[in-house]
């Protein structure tokens, strides 16, 4: 996956589930494994369903850290009686970076089988990477995975008065955006300025937005130019349209910086950012996503032909998604689709309308075999 990726496929093909697998990893590290499971209905709702009725599920990730060091992180969660669970296995392997040593650990059912460098004790009901984050090689992995943000912006949550929040990471629905904007203004004012500039291009007339304290709560206050007025008028979030608020939520999600002390948020996933936006604003949206993708990886699910037809969008950024008997396949557009686009017989948006953006299943099979060998080698 590149820095900017658009996941495109029919409803029910697995786009949201793919993002939620990554969100589950972030939630488990940032809060707890128990919380992440309960938030999704418990272990029996999360575990993979198939003809064999397995009692476990696993996630395996390969990554490249900001300093260029490559590595992998995987874990397997098993179901126990009466809704219980345990971490059956957890592994992390990191190659040496430019300025620090590599490391690895292997945990099995709460027992440390291998830890290099030597780490703390493990527990069967939580991910060991949280404990290992105090060790130099594993801290960048923990920071990168725990700060991944995933968003399905809810304008009503943004209108509601919000409890004070540190604003380090935007909430999934945007419900703490006042705190995030205050934090952004304090640690990265240039990023906040870019948010306002892009918002002005989506909603002409808006010249600024800022958090406003109201007693023990916080809200947003927009400044908008009004004909005949010498100075911009001020409007509360409750007076703004769904499209304006959703556009602001998407922009803040991709330009947020984390706590300001490190590389910040490294990956952002957004569900259908084009919803309730005017088609003319898709070019501005893509420009914002492209700019933000210079510093973080951005994954987008979309059903918008207008967005896919933007001239600045590269075909290599589009990944097609289909479901085959319960298995989600995600891969670049197949050869027939690429050839059609090369010859300009159809645009990506037109192929989307015709349901002809299909994944290269041969590519998917090759990558799956390589990943299987990679995981088996890591276990050995």
Protein backbone atom coordinates (compact mmCIF):
# COMPACT_ATOMS: atom_id res chain seq x y z
CA UNK A 1 0.00 0.00 0.00
CA UNK A 2 1.23 3.45 -0.92
CA UNK A 3 0.93 6.71 0.98
CA UNK A 4 -2.54 7.43 -0.44
CA UNK A 5 -4.86 4.48 -1.10
CA UNK A 6 -8.50 4.37 -2.23
CA UNK A 7 -10.37 1.15 -1.42
CA UNK A 8 -13.17 0.71 -3.94
CA UNK A 9 -15.77 -2.06 -4.05
CA UNK A 10 -19.43 -2.99 -3.65
CA UNK A 11 -21.23 -2.70 -0.33
CA UNK A 12 -20.39 -5.69 1.84
CA UNK A 13 -17.12 -6.45 0.06
CA UNK A 14 -15.09 -5.94 3.24
CA UNK A 15 -13.63 -2.44 2.95
CA UNK A 16 -14.81 -1.36 6.39
CA UNK A 17 -13.85 -4.69 7.96
CA UNK A 18 -10.33 -4.29 6.62
CA UNK A 19 -10.02 -0.85 8.22
CA UNK A 20 -11.56 -2.20 11.42
CA UNK A 21 -8.90 -4.91 11.67
CA UNK A 22 -6.32 -2.11 11.80
CA UNK A 23 -8.52 -0.11 14.19
CA UNK A 24 -8.83 -3.17 16.43
CA UNK A 25 -5.04 -3.32 16.64
CA UNK A 26 -4.82 0.38 17.56
CA UNK A 27 -7.65 0.12 20.11
CA UNK A 28 -6.09 -2.95 21.76
CA UNK A 29 -2.79 -1.13 22.21
CA UNK A 30 -4.19 2.29 23.14
CA UNK A 31 -6.84 1.06 25.61
CA UNK A 32 -6.92 -2.69 26.28
CA UNK A 33 -7.65 -5.92 24.45
CA UNK A 34 -10.72 -6.48 26.60
CA UNK A 35 -12.10 -3.03 25.71
CA UNK A 36 -11.45 -3.53 22.00
CA UNK A 37 -13.32 -6.87 22.04
CA UNK A 38 -16.25 -5.57 24.10
CA UNK A 39 -16.59 -2.57 21.81
CA UNK A 40 -17.24 -5.05 18.97
CA UNK A 41 -19.61 -7.39 20.81
CA UNK A 42 -17.10 -9.74 22.45
CA UNK A 43 -14.74 -12.45 21.24
CA UNK A 44 -17.49 -14.54 19.61
CA UNK A 45 -18.52 -11.64 17.37
CA UNK A 46 -14.96 -10.75 16.43
CA UNK A 47 -13.48 -14.16 15.68
CA UNK A 48 -13.45 -15.31 12.08
CA UNK A 49 -16.46 -17.34 11.00
CA UNK A 50 -16.08 -20.23 8.54
CA UNK A 51 -17.21 -23.79 7.95
CA UNK A 52 -14.63 -25.04 10.43
CA UNK A 53 -15.93 -22.79 13.24
CA UNK A 54 -12.50 -21.72 14.51
CA UNK A 55 -12.30 -20.36 18.03
CA UNK A 56 -9.49 -17.93 17.27
CA UNK A 57 -8.52 -15.08 14.98
CA UNK A 58 -5.23 -13.46 14.12
CA UNK A 59 -3.80 -10.30 12.62
CA UNK A 60 -0.40 -10.07 10.94
CA UNK A 61 1.11 -6.78 9.80
CA UNK A 62 4.26 -5.91 7.89
CA UNK A 63 5.49 -2.34 8.15
CA UNK A 64 8.26 0.14 7.50
CA UNK A 65 9.04 2.55 10.35
CA UNK A 66 9.73 6.27 9.84
CA UNK A 67 13.50 5.67 10.03
CA UNK A 68 13.29 3.04 7.28
CA UNK A 69 13.57 -0.07 9.46
CA UNK A 70 11.28 -2.89 8.33
CA UNK A 71 9.48 -5.32 10.59
CA UNK A 72 6.42 -7.39 11.36
CA UNK A 73 3.92 -7.62 14.18
CA UNK A 74 1.33 -10.36 14.64
CA UNK A 75 -0.93 -11.79 17.30
CA UNK A 76 -3.52 -14.55 17.65
CA UNK A 77 -6.46 -14.33 20.04
CA UNK A 78 -8.23 -17.50 21.18
CA UNK A 79 -11.73 -17.83 22.65
CA UNK A 80 -12.15 -19.27 26.13
CA UNK A 81 -15.29 -20.55 27.93
CA UNK A 82 -17.98 -18.05 28.98
CA UNK A 83 -16.76 -15.28 26.70
CA UNK A 84 -13.16 -15.29 27.89
CA UNK A 85 -10.11 -14.96 25.69
CA UNK A 86 -6.35 -15.29 25.72
CA UNK A 87 -3.45 -14.17 23.58
CA UNK A 88 -2.30 -17.50 22.15
CA UNK A 89 0.72 -16.03 20.43
CA UNK A 90 2.26 -12.63 19.78
CA UNK A 91 5.39 -11.82 17.81
CA UNK A 92 7.32 -8.75 16.79
CA UNK A 93 10.46 -8.64 14.64
CA UNK A 94 12.26 -5.37 13.86
CA UNK A 95 15.33 -5.03 11.66
CA UNK A 96 18.01 -2.63 12.88
CA UNK A 97 17.35 1.01 11.98
CA UNK A 98 19.70 3.79 11.01
CA UNK A 99 20.14 4.96 14.59
CA UNK A 100 19.05 2.07 16.81
CA UNK A 101 19.31 -1.71 17.20
CA UNK A 102 16.72 -4.23 16.06
CA UNK A 103 14.71 -6.46 18.35
CA UNK A 104 12.27 -9.32 18.54
CA UNK A 105 9.95 -11.07 20.96
CA UNK A 106 7.83 -14.20 20.90
CA UNK A 107 5.05 -14.61 23.49
CA UNK A 108 2.92 -17.74 23.93
CA UNK A 109 -0.06 -17.85 26.28
CA UNK A 110 1.34 -15.33 28.69
CA UNK A 111 4.87 -16.75 28.66
CA UNK A 112 7.91 -14.97 27.23
CA UNK A 113 9.57 -17.50 24.93
CA UNK A 114 12.02 -14.99 23.47
CA UNK A 115 12.74 -11.33 24.11
CA UNK A 116 15.73 -9.52 22.67
CA UNK A 117 16.42 -7.20 24.38
CA UNK A 118 15.17 -8.76 27.57
CA UNK A 119 11.75 -7.44 28.49
CA UNK A 120 9.18 -7.51 31.31
CA UNK A 121 6.78 -10.32 32.15
CA UNK A 122 3.79 -11.10 29.92
CA UNK A 123 0.09 -11.66 30.63
CA UNK A 124 -2.29 -13.87 28.68
CA UNK A 125 -5.09 -11.28 28.55
CA UNK A 126 -3.22 -8.34 27.05
CA UNK A 127 -0.88 -7.56 24.19
CA UNK A 128 2.77 -7.70 25.15
CA UNK A 129 3.74 -4.84 22.83
CA UNK A 130 2.26 -2.46 25.43
CA UNK A 131 4.74 -3.77 28.04
CA UNK A 132 7.60 -3.88 25.52
CA UNK A 133 7.05 -0.25 24.48
CA UNK A 134 9.40 0.74 27.28
CA UNK A 135 12.25 -0.92 25.36
CA UNK A 136 13.99 1.19 22.72
CA UNK A 137 13.53 -1.09 19.66
CA UNK A 138 9.78 -1.56 20.22
CA UNK A 139 8.73 1.98 21.11
CA UNK A 140 8.47 3.20 17.47
CA UNK A 141 6.27 0.20 16.61
CA UNK A 142 3.96 0.87 19.56
CA UNK A 143 3.76 4.60 18.75
CA UNK A 144 3.00 3.98 15.07
CA UNK A 145 0.32 1.33 15.63
CA UNK A 146 -1.37 2.80 18.72
CA UNK A 147 -1.84 6.24 17.13
CA UNK A 148 -3.48 5.01 13.92
CA UNK A 149 -6.77 6.91 13.54
CA UNK A 150 -9.94 5.71 11.79
CA UNK A 151 -12.87 7.96 11.04
CA UNK A 152 -16.54 8.00 10.15
CA UNK A 153 -17.33 11.61 10.93
CA UNK A 154 -20.68 12.38 12.60
CA UNK A 155 -21.66 16.07 12.21
CA UNK A 156 -24.13 15.90 15.11
CA UNK A 157 -21.35 14.81 17.49
CA UNK A 158 -19.37 17.83 16.32
CA UNK A 159 -22.31 20.14 17.05
CA UNK A 160 -22.79 18.83 20.59
CA UNK A 161 -21.08 20.59 23.48
CA UNK A 162 -17.93 18.57 24.18
CA UNK A 163 -16.11 17.69 27.38
CA UNK A 164 -12.58 19.14 27.64
CA UNK A 165 -10.11 16.84 25.88
CA UNK A 166 -6.31 16.85 25.46
CA UNK A 167 -6.89 16.65 21.72
CA UNK A 168 -3.93 14.43 20.94
CA UNK A 169 -5.98 12.15 18.67
CA UNK A 170 -9.30 12.91 16.99
CA UNK A 171 -12.14 10.63 18.11
CA UNK A 172 -13.62 8.29 15.51
CA UNK A 173 -16.82 10.36 15.13
CA UNK A 174 -15.16 13.76 15.58
CA UNK A 175 -16.73 14.24 19.00
CA UNK A 176 -13.61 15.84 20.53
CA UNK A 177 -12.72 18.11 17.60
CA UNK A 178 -12.70 21.28 19.72
CA UNK A 179 -9.90 19.85 21.85
CA UNK A 180 -8.01 18.65 18.78
CA UNK A 181 -8.16 22.09 17.14
CA UNK A 182 -6.95 23.72 20.37
CA UNK A 183 -4.07 21.24 20.53
CA UNK A 184 -3.26 21.76 16.84
CA UNK A 185 -3.20 25.52 17.30
CA UNK A 186 -0.76 25.14 20.20
CA UNK A 187 1.71 22.59 18.74
CA UNK A 188 1.29 22.96 14.96
CA UNK A 189 -0.33 26.30 13.99
CA UNK A 190 0.76 25.87 10.36
CA UNK A 191 -1.27 22.65 10.10
CA UNK A 192 -4.33 24.38 11.57
CA UNK A 193 -3.89 27.16 9.02
CA UNK A 194 -3.89 24.56 6.20
CA UNK A 195 -7.12 23.09 7.60
CA UNK A 196 -8.75 26.54 7.46
CA UNK A 197 -7.44 27.25 3.96
CA UNK A 198 -8.80 23.99 2.56
CA UNK A 199 -12.11 24.51 4.41
CA UNK A 200 -12.39 27.94 2.80
CA UNK A 201 -12.02 26.32 -0.62
CA UNK A 202 -14.78 23.81 0.20
CA UNK A 203 -17.07 26.40 1.81
CA UNK A 204 -16.26 29.86 0.35
CA UNK A 205 -16.61 32.61 2.93
CA UNK A 206 -15.38 30.70 5.96
CA UNK A 207 -12.15 32.34 7.05
CA UNK A 208 -11.48 30.56 10.32
CA UNK A 209 -12.62 28.10 12.97
CA UNK A 210 -11.53 27.88 16.58
CA UNK A 211 -12.49 26.15 19.82
CA UNK A 212 -14.64 28.13 22.24
CA UNK A 213 -15.07 27.41 25.95
CA UNK A 214 -18.63 27.53 27.30
CA UNK A 215 -18.53 26.92 31.04
CA UNK A 216 -17.28 23.39 31.58
CA UNK A 217 -17.78 22.44 27.92
CA UNK A 218 -16.21 23.26 24.58
CA UNK A 219 -17.60 23.89 21.13
CA UNK A 220 -16.50 25.29 17.77
CA UNK A 221 -16.90 28.84 16.52
CA UNK A 222 -16.72 29.60 12.80
CA UNK A 223 -15.86 32.98 11.29
CA UNK A 224 -17.61 33.66 8.00
CA UNK A 225 -17.63 36.67 5.70
CA UNK A 226 -21.05 38.24 5.27
CA UNK A 227 -21.97 40.81 2.60
CA UNK A 228 -21.97 44.35 4.01
CA UNK A 229 -20.25 43.39 7.26
CA UNK A 230 -16.90 44.98 8.07
CA UNK A 231 -15.68 41.96 10.02
CA UNK A 232 -16.52 38.24 9.67
CA UNK A 233 -19.56 37.10 11.62
CA UNK A 234 -19.20 34.35 14.19
CA UNK A 235 -21.38 31.24 14.09
CA UNK A 236 -21.50 28.28 16.50
CA UNK A 237 -21.11 24.72 15.24
CA UNK A 238 -24.85 24.20 15.79
CA UNK A 239 -25.54 26.67 12.95
CA UNK A 240 -23.29 24.97 10.38
CA UNK A 241 -24.37 22.46 7.73
CA UNK A 242 -23.56 18.75 7.78
CA UNK A 243 -21.31 19.18 4.75
CA UNK A 244 -19.28 21.95 6.39
CA UNK A 245 -18.80 19.99 9.61
CA UNK A 246 -17.97 16.75 7.84
CA UNK A 247 -15.43 18.51 5.62
CA UNK A 248 -13.81 20.04 8.71
CA UNK A 249 -13.70 16.63 10.42
CA UNK A 250 -12.00 15.00 7.43
CA UNK A 251 -9.45 17.83 7.16
CA UNK A 252 -8.60 17.72 10.86
CA UNK A 253 -8.25 13.93 10.75
CA UNK A 254 -5.59 14.06 8.03
CA UNK A 255 -3.68 17.11 9.30
CA UNK A 256 -3.60 16.19 13.00
CA UNK A 257 -0.12 15.78 14.42
CA UNK A 258 -0.39 13.70 17.60
CA UNK A 259 1.22 14.96 20.80
CA UNK A 260 3.76 17.06 18.93
CA UNK A 261 6.79 15.34 20.49
CA UNK A 262 7.40 12.68 17.82
CA UNK A 263 6.46 11.73 14.27
CA UNK A 264 2.77 11.92 15.23
CA UNK A 265 -0.11 10.07 13.60
CA UNK A 266 1.37 7.80 10.93
CA UNK A 267 -1.79 6.27 9.43
CA UNK A 268 -5.34 7.57 8.96
CA UNK A 269 -8.30 5.60 7.62
CA UNK A 270 -11.44 7.47 6.49
CA UNK A 271 -14.83 6.06 5.56
CA UNK A 272 -16.32 7.79 2.49
CA UNK A 273 -14.99 11.33 3.05
CA UNK A 274 -16.96 12.60 0.05
CA UNK A 275 -20.37 11.99 1.70
CA UNK A 276 -22.62 15.13 1.69
CA UNK A 277 -19.92 17.12 -0.13
CA UNK A 278 -20.83 18.90 -3.36
CA UNK A 279 -19.18 17.16 -6.37
CA UNK A 280 -17.30 20.37 -7.14
CA UNK A 281 -15.48 20.03 -3.81
CA UNK A 282 -13.96 16.63 -4.63
CA UNK A 283 -10.93 18.25 -6.24
CA UNK A 284 -10.24 20.22 -3.06
CA UNK A 285 -10.71 17.07 -0.98
CA UNK A 286 -8.22 15.14 -3.13
CA UNK A 287 -5.71 18.01 -2.95
CA UNK A 288 -5.93 17.94 0.86
CA UNK A 289 -5.51 14.16 0.98
CA UNK A 290 -2.51 14.31 -1.36
CA UNK A 291 -0.81 17.01 0.69
CA UNK A 292 -1.43 15.23 3.99
CA UNK A 293 -0.17 11.93 2.53
CA UNK A 294 3.34 13.41 2.33
CA UNK A 295 3.67 12.93 6.10
CA UNK A 296 1.26 10.07 6.85
CA UNK A 297 -0.33 7.08 5.13
CA UNK A 298 -4.00 7.65 4.26
CA UNK A 299 -6.49 4.86 3.49
CA UNK A 300 -9.87 5.90 2.09
CA UNK A 301 -13.01 3.93 1.31
CA UNK A 302 -15.04 5.55 -1.44
CA UNK A 303 -18.02 5.10 -3.74
CA UNK A 304 -17.50 8.41 -5.53
CA UNK A 305 -16.99 8.30 -9.34
CA UNK A 306 -16.28 12.05 -9.23
CA UNK A 307 -13.41 11.55 -6.79
CA UNK A 308 -11.90 8.71 -8.83
CA UNK A 309 -12.11 10.81 -12.00
CA UNK A 310 -10.04 13.66 -10.57
CA UNK A 311 -7.06 14.16 -12.95
CA UNK A 312 -4.56 14.26 -10.07
CA UNK A 313 -5.54 10.78 -8.82
CA UNK A 314 -3.12 8.10 -10.00
CA UNK A 315 -4.51 4.70 -10.99
CA UNK A 316 -1.91 3.04 -8.77
CA UNK A 317 -3.65 4.62 -5.75
CA UNK A 318 -6.83 2.61 -6.42
CA UNK A 319 -7.21 -0.82 -4.84
CA UNK A 320 -10.24 -2.89 -5.89
CA UNK A 321 -12.11 -4.88 -3.25
CA UNK A 322 -14.39 -7.90 -3.79
CA UNK A 323 -15.80 -10.64 -1.59
CA UNK A 324 -15.56 -14.28 -2.69
CA UNK A 325 -17.60 -16.64 -0.49
CA UNK A 326 -16.81 -14.66 2.63
CA UNK A 327 -13.18 -13.91 1.79
CA UNK A 328 -12.25 -10.31 1.05
CA UNK A 329 -9.76 -9.80 -1.76
CA UNK A 330 -7.91 -6.46 -1.97
CA UNK A 331 -5.49 -5.86 -4.83
CA UNK A 332 -4.56 -3.40 -7.58
CA UNK A 333 -6.94 -3.12 -10.54
CA UNK A 334 -6.62 -6.16 -12.82
CA UNK A 335 -4.85 -6.10 -16.20
CA UNK A 336 -8.08 -5.66 -18.17
CA UNK A 337 -8.99 -2.60 -16.10
CA UNK A 338 -5.48 -1.14 -16.33
CA UNK A 339 -5.43 -1.60 -20.11
CA UNK A 340 -8.85 0.05 -20.42
CA UNK A 341 -7.59 3.03 -18.43
CA UNK A 342 -4.31 3.21 -20.38
CA UNK A 343 -6.23 3.37 -23.67
CA UNK A 344 -8.63 5.93 -22.10
CA UNK A 345 -11.63 3.88 -23.19
CA UNK A 346 -13.24 4.54 -19.81
CA UNK A 347 -12.39 6.62 -16.76
CA UNK A 348 -12.01 5.05 -13.28
CA UNK A 349 -15.36 6.59 -12.31
CA UNK A 350 -17.09 5.06 -15.32
CA UNK A 351 -15.59 1.63 -14.53
CA UNK A 352 -16.82 2.05 -10.97
CA UNK A 353 -20.36 2.74 -12.19
CA UNK A 354 -20.16 -0.37 -14.37
CA UNK A 355 -18.72 -2.45 -11.51
CA UNK A 356 -15.67 -3.19 -13.64
CA UNK A 357 -12.97 -2.16 -11.17
CA UNK A 358 -11.90 -5.68 -10.31
CA UNK A 359 -8.85 -6.77 -8.28
CA UNK A 360 -5.92 -8.61 -9.85
CA UNK A 361 -6.57 -11.95 -8.16
CA UNK A 362 -3.29 -13.46 -9.38
CA UNK A 363 -1.48 -10.62 -7.60
CA UNK A 364 -3.57 -11.31 -4.48
CA UNK A 365 -2.66 -15.00 -4.55
CA UNK A 366 1.06 -14.24 -4.90
CA UNK A 367 0.98 -11.77 -2.02
CA UNK A 368 -1.00 -14.22 0.14
CA UNK A 369 1.57 -16.97 -0.46
CA UNK A 370 4.41 -14.60 0.39
CA UNK A 371 2.67 -13.48 3.57
CA UNK A 372 2.03 -17.09 4.57
CA UNK A 373 5.71 -17.94 4.08
CA UNK A 374 6.68 -14.79 5.98
CA UNK A 375 4.51 -15.73 8.97
CA UNK A 376 5.67 -19.35 8.96
CA UNK A 377 9.29 -18.18 8.86
CA UNK A 378 8.65 -15.81 11.76
CA UNK A 379 7.17 -18.66 13.81
CA UNK A 380 10.23 -20.81 13.15
